[in-house]
Amino acid sequence: MTALDPDFVANASTDAIRTQYERAERMAELWADQARDLFLLLAERAPEETTR
């Protein structure tokens, strides 16, 4: 289990695990949204740079 605190793994309640899972899911969605926005920006600007 990468990047999980061993103490958390050993002692966390089901509710605590669920809360952390839901937070990680929200963060993953935000990162995916940012990655998509950056890709679209790159696609928009890439043709401009090739014509300079």
PDB file of N, CA and C in Angstrom:
ATOM      1  N   MET A   1       0.851  -1.180   0.000  1.00  0.00           N
ATOM      2  CA  MET A   1       0.000   0.000   0.000  1.00  0.00           C
ATOM      3  C   MET A   1       0.892   1.238   0.000  1.00  0.00           C
ATOM      4  N   THR A   2       1.013   1.833  -1.145  1.00  0.00           N
ATOM      5  CA  THR A   2       1.908   2.974  -1.295  1.00  0.00           C
ATOM      6  C   THR A   2       1.321   4.222  -0.653  1.00  0.00           C
ATOM      7  N   ALA A   3       2.188   4.980  -0.026  1.00  0.00           N
ATOM      8  CA  ALA A   3       1.872   6.293   0.531  1.00  0.00           C
ATOM      9  C   ALA A   3       0.807   6.276   1.630  1.00  0.00           C
ATOM     10  N   LEU A   4       0.543   5.139   2.206  1.00  0.00           N
ATOM     11  CA  LEU A   4      -0.370   5.103   3.340  1.00  0.00           C
ATOM     12  C   LEU A   4       0.447   5.015   4.623  1.00  0.00           C
ATOM     13  N   ASP A   5       0.056   5.825   5.584  1.00  0.00           N
ATOM     14  CA  ASP A   5       0.724   5.835   6.877  1.00  0.00           C
ATOM     15  C   ASP A   5       0.512   4.482   7.559  1.00  0.00           C
ATOM     16  N   PRO A   6       1.587   3.786   7.921  1.00  0.00           N
ATOM     17  CA  PRO A   6       1.447   2.469   8.553  1.00  0.00           C
ATOM     18  C   PRO A   6       0.589   2.502   9.822  1.00  0.00           C
ATOM     19  N   ASP A   7       0.686   3.593  10.590  1.00  0.00           N
ATOM     20  CA  ASP A   7      -0.132   3.709  11.802  1.00  0.00           C
ATOM     21  C   ASP A   7      -1.608   3.806  11.434  1.00  0.00           C
ATOM     22  N   PHE A   8      -1.904   4.570  10.375  1.00  0.00           N
ATOM     23  CA  PHE A   8      -3.285   4.685   9.901  1.00  0.00           C
ATOM     24  C   PHE A   8      -3.799   3.323   9.449  1.00  0.00           C
ATOM     25  N   VAL A   9      -2.983   2.618   8.672  1.00  0.00           N
ATOM     26  CA  VAL A   9      -3.371   1.297   8.169  1.00  0.00           C
ATOM     27  C   VAL A   9      -3.671   0.353   9.325  1.00  0.00           C
ATOM     28  N   ALA A  10      -2.858   0.401  10.349  1.00  0.00           N
ATOM     29  CA  ALA A  10      -3.006  -0.523  11.475  1.00  0.00           C
ATOM     30  C   ALA A  10      -4.183  -0.169  12.371  1.00  0.00           C
ATOM     31  N   ASN A  11      -4.538   1.122  12.476  1.00  0.00           N
ATOM     32  CA  ASN A  11      -5.486   1.521  13.521  1.00  0.00           C
ATOM     33  C   ASN A  11      -6.741   2.237  13.059  1.00  0.00           C
ATOM     34  N   ALA A  12      -6.861   2.564  11.797  1.00  0.00           N
ATOM     35  CA  ALA A  12      -7.987   3.387  11.338  1.00  0.00           C
ATOM     36  C   ALA A  12      -9.304   2.621  11.368  1.00  0.00           C
ATOM     37  N   SER A  13     -10.338   3.360  11.732  1.00  0.00           N
ATOM     38  CA  SER A  13     -11.682   2.791  11.685  1.00  0.00           C
ATOM     39  C   SER A  13     -12.172   2.760  10.238  1.00  0.00           C
ATOM     40  N   THR A  14     -13.218   2.021  10.017  1.00  0.00           N
ATOM     41  CA  THR A  14     -13.808   1.953   8.681  1.00  0.00           C
ATOM     42  C   THR A  14     -14.269   3.332   8.228  1.00  0.00           C
ATOM     43  N   ASP A  15     -14.857   4.098   9.150  1.00  0.00           N
ATOM     44  CA  ASP A  15     -15.304   5.454   8.799  1.00  0.00           C
ATOM     45  C   ASP A  15     -14.128   6.345   8.409  1.00  0.00           C
ATOM     46  N   ALA A  16     -13.026   6.235   9.128  1.00  0.00           N
ATOM     47  CA  ALA A  16     -11.845   7.043   8.805  1.00  0.00           C
ATOM     48  C   ALA A  16     -11.285   6.657   7.443  1.00  0.00           C
ATOM     49  N   ILE A  17     -11.260   5.373   7.165  1.00  0.00           N
ATOM     50  CA  ILE A  17     -10.778   4.907   5.858  1.00  0.00           C
ATOM     51  C   ILE A  17     -11.686   5.419   4.754  1.00  0.00           C
ATOM     52  N   ARG A  18     -12.994   5.325   4.961  1.00  0.00           N
ATOM     53  CA  ARG A  18     -13.956   5.798   3.964  1.00  0.00           C
ATOM     54  C   ARG A  18     -13.790   7.299   3.730  1.00  0.00           C
ATOM     55  N   THR A  19     -13.620   8.069   4.795  1.00  0.00           N
ATOM     56  CA  THR A  19     -13.438   9.509   4.677  1.00  0.00           C
ATOM     57  C   THR A  19     -12.191   9.831   3.865  1.00  0.00           C
ATOM     58  N   GLN A  20     -11.100   9.162   4.149  1.00  0.00           N
ATOM     59  CA  GLN A  20      -9.860   9.402   3.412  1.00  0.00           C
ATOM     60  C   GLN A  20      -9.986   8.959   1.956  1.00  0.00           C
ATOM     61  N   TYR A  21     -10.696   7.859   1.734  1.00  0.00           N
ATOM     62  CA  TYR A  21     -10.922   7.391   0.361  1.00  0.00           C
ATOM     63  C   TYR A  21     -11.717   8.429  -0.434  1.00  0.00           C
ATOM     64  N   GLU A  22     -12.781   8.947   0.164  1.00  0.00           N
ATOM     65  CA  GLU A  22     -13.615   9.936  -0.515  1.00  0.00           C
ATOM     66  C   GLU A  22     -12.827  11.208  -0.793  1.00  0.00           C
ATOM     67  N   ARG A  23     -11.980  11.614   0.129  1.00  0.00           N
ATOM     68  CA  ARG A  23     -11.134  12.792  -0.081  1.00  0.00           C
ATOM     69  C   ARG A  23     -10.164  12.544  -1.235  1.00  0.00           C
ATOM     70  N   ALA A  24      -9.563  11.367  -1.263  1.00  0.00           N
ATOM     71  CA  ALA A  24      -8.627  11.035  -2.343  1.00  0.00           C
ATOM     72  C   ALA A  24      -9.337  11.012  -3.696  1.00  0.00           C
ATOM     73  N   GLU A  25     -10.548  10.511  -3.718  1.00  0.00           N
ATOM     74  CA  GLU A  25     -11.326  10.508  -4.965  1.00  0.00           C
ATOM     75  C   GLU A  25     -11.595  11.928  -5.448  1.00  0.00           C
ATOM     76  N   ARG A  26     -11.971  12.825  -4.531  1.00  0.00           N
ATOM     77  CA  ARG A  26     -12.213  14.225  -4.915  1.00  0.00           C
ATOM     78  C   ARG A  26     -10.936  14.862  -5.444  1.00  0.00           C
ATOM     79  N   MET A  27      -9.821  14.594  -4.780  1.00  0.00           N
ATOM     80  CA  MET A  27      -8.550  15.156  -5.231  1.00  0.00           C
ATOM     81  C   MET A  27      -8.186  14.608  -6.612  1.00  0.00           C
ATOM     82  N   ALA A  28      -8.429  13.327  -6.841  1.00  0.00           N
ATOM     83  CA  ALA A  28      -8.137  12.735  -8.150  1.00  0.00           C
ATOM     84  C   ALA A  28      -8.986  13.394  -9.237  1.00  0.00           C
ATOM     85  N   GLU A  29     -10.246  13.686  -8.922  1.00  0.00           N
ATOM     86  CA  GLU A  29     -11.113  14.357  -9.895  1.00  0.00           C
ATOM     87  C   GLU A  29     -10.601  15.763 -10.202  1.00  0.00           C
ATOM     88  N   LEU A  30     -10.147  16.464  -9.165  1.00  0.00           N
ATOM     89  CA  LEU A  30      -9.608  17.808  -9.388  1.00  0.00           C
ATOM     90  C   LEU A  30      -8.356  17.768 -10.244  1.00  0.00           C
ATOM     91  N   TRP A  31      -7.466  16.820  -9.971  1.00  0.00           N
ATOM     92  CA  TRP A  31      -6.247  16.689 -10.772  1.00  0.00           C
ATOM     93  C   TRP A  31      -6.580  16.305 -12.207  1.00  0.00           C
ATOM     94  N   ALA A  32      -7.570  15.453 -12.384  1.00  0.00           N
ATOM     95  CA  ALA A  32      -7.973  15.063 -13.744  1.00  0.00           C
ATOM     96  C   ALA A  32      -8.535  16.276 -14.492  1.00  0.00           C
ATOM     97  N   ASP A  33      -9.328  17.090 -13.802  1.00  0.00           N
ATOM     98  CA  ASP A  33      -9.867  18.304 -14.420  1.00  0.00           C
ATOM     99  C   ASP A  33      -8.737  19.254 -14.816  1.00  0.00           C
ATOM    100  N   GLN A  34      -7.764  19.425 -13.928  1.00  0.00           N
ATOM    101  CA  GLN A  34      -6.638  20.312 -14.226  1.00  0.00           C
ATOM    102  C   GLN A  34      -5.821  19.769 -15.390  1.00  0.00           C
ATOM    103  N   ALA A  35      -5.596  18.466 -15.409  1.00  0.00           N
ATOM    104  CA  ALA A  35      -4.829  17.864 -16.507  1.00  0.00           C
ATOM    105  C   ALA A  35      -5.552  18.074 -17.836  1.00  0.00           C
ATOM    106  N   ARG A  36      -6.868  17.907 -17.844  1.00  0.00           N
ATOM    107  CA  ARG A  36      -7.647  18.121 -19.067  1.00  0.00           C
ATOM    108  C   ARG A  36      -7.539  19.573 -19.521  1.00  0.00           C
ATOM    109  N   ASP A  37      -7.682  20.510 -18.578  1.00  0.00           N
ATOM    110  CA  ASP A  37      -7.586  21.930 -18.924  1.00  0.00           C
ATOM    111  C   ASP A  37      -6.211  22.269 -19.487  1.00  0.00           C
ATOM    112  N   LEU A  38      -5.172  21.723 -18.887  1.00  0.00           N
ATOM    113  CA  LEU A  38      -3.819  21.977 -19.384  1.00  0.00           C
ATOM    114  C   LEU A  38      -3.609  21.368 -20.769  1.00  0.00           C
ATOM    115  N   PHE A  39      -4.158  20.180 -20.995  1.00  0.00           N
ATOM    116  CA  PHE A  39      -4.056  19.553 -22.306  1.00  0.00           C
ATOM    117  C   PHE A  39      -4.754  20.415 -23.364  1.00  0.00           C
ATOM    118  N   LEU A  40      -5.932  20.907 -23.038  1.00  0.00           N
ATOM    119  CA  LEU A  40      -6.661  21.745 -23.992  1.00  0.00           C
ATOM    120  C   LEU A  40      -5.907  23.041 -24.269  1.00  0.00           C
ATOM    121  N   LEU A  41      -5.315  23.633 -23.238  1.00  0.00           N
ATOM    122  CA  LEU A  41      -4.513  24.834 -23.429  1.00  0.00           C
ATOM    123  C   LEU A  41      -3.303  24.548 -24.303  1.00  0.00           C
ATOM    124  N   LEU A  42      -2.658  23.432 -24.057  1.00  0.00           N
ATOM    125  CA  LEU A  42      -1.506  23.039 -24.869  1.00  0.00           C
ATOM    126  C   LEU A  42      -1.916  22.827 -26.322  1.00  0.00           C
ATOM    127  N   ALA A  43      -3.021  22.147 -26.533  1.00  0.00           N
ATOM    128  CA  ALA A  43      -3.495  21.896 -27.900  1.00  0.00           C
ATOM    129  C   ALA A  43      -3.848  23.200 -28.606  1.00  0.00           C
ATOM    130  N   GLU A  44      -4.359  24.147 -27.842  1.00  0.00           N
ATOM    131  CA  GLU A  44      -4.721  25.442 -28.415  1.00  0.00           C
ATOM    132  C   GLU A  44      -3.475  26.237 -28.808  1.00  0.00           C
ATOM    133  N   ARG A  45      -2.440  26.169 -28.004  1.00  0.00           N
ATOM    134  CA  ARG A  45      -1.249  26.976 -28.249  1.00  0.00           C
ATOM    135  C   ARG A  45      -0.202  26.309 -29.094  1.00  0.00           C
ATOM    136  N   ALA A  46      -0.172  25.009 -29.157  1.00  0.00           N
ATOM    137  CA  ALA A  46       0.866  24.290 -29.911  1.00  0.00           C
ATOM    138  C   ALA A  46       0.917  24.732 -31.375  1.00  0.00           C
ATOM    139  N   PRO A  47      -0.186  24.849 -32.074  1.00  0.00           N
ATOM    140  CA  PRO A  47      -0.113  25.302 -33.474  1.00  0.00           C
ATOM    141  C   PRO A  47       0.472  26.718 -33.605  1.00  0.00           C
ATOM    142  N   GLU A  48       0.203  27.593 -32.640  1.00  0.00           N
ATOM    143  CA  GLU A  48       0.744  28.945 -32.668  1.00  0.00           C
ATOM    144  C   GLU A  48       2.274  28.911 -32.644  1.00  0.00           C
ATOM    145  N   GLU A  49       2.832  28.069 -31.827  1.00  0.00           N
ATOM    146  CA  GLU A  49       4.269  28.018 -31.686  1.00  0.00           C
ATOM    147  C   GLU A  49       4.965  27.427 -32.914  1.00  0.00           C
ATOM    148  N   THR A  50       4.293  26.555 -33.635  1.00  0.00           N
ATOM    149  CA  THR A  50       4.902  25.960 -34.816  1.00  0.00           C
ATOM    150  C   THR A  50       4.912  26.919 -35.999  1.00  0.00           C
ATOM    151  N   THR A  51       4.100  27.977 -35.935  1.00  0.00           N
ATOM    152  CA  THR A  51       4.052  28.939 -37.043  1.00  0.00           C
ATOM    153  C   THR A  51       4.920  30.155 -36.795  1.00  0.00           C
ATOM    154  N   ARG A  52       5.601  30.218 -35.657  1.00  0.00           N
ATOM    155  CA  ARG A  52       6.462  31.376 -35.347  1.00  0.00           C
ATOM    156  C   ARG A  52       7.767  31.313 -36.092  1.00  0.00           C
TER     157      ARG A  52
END
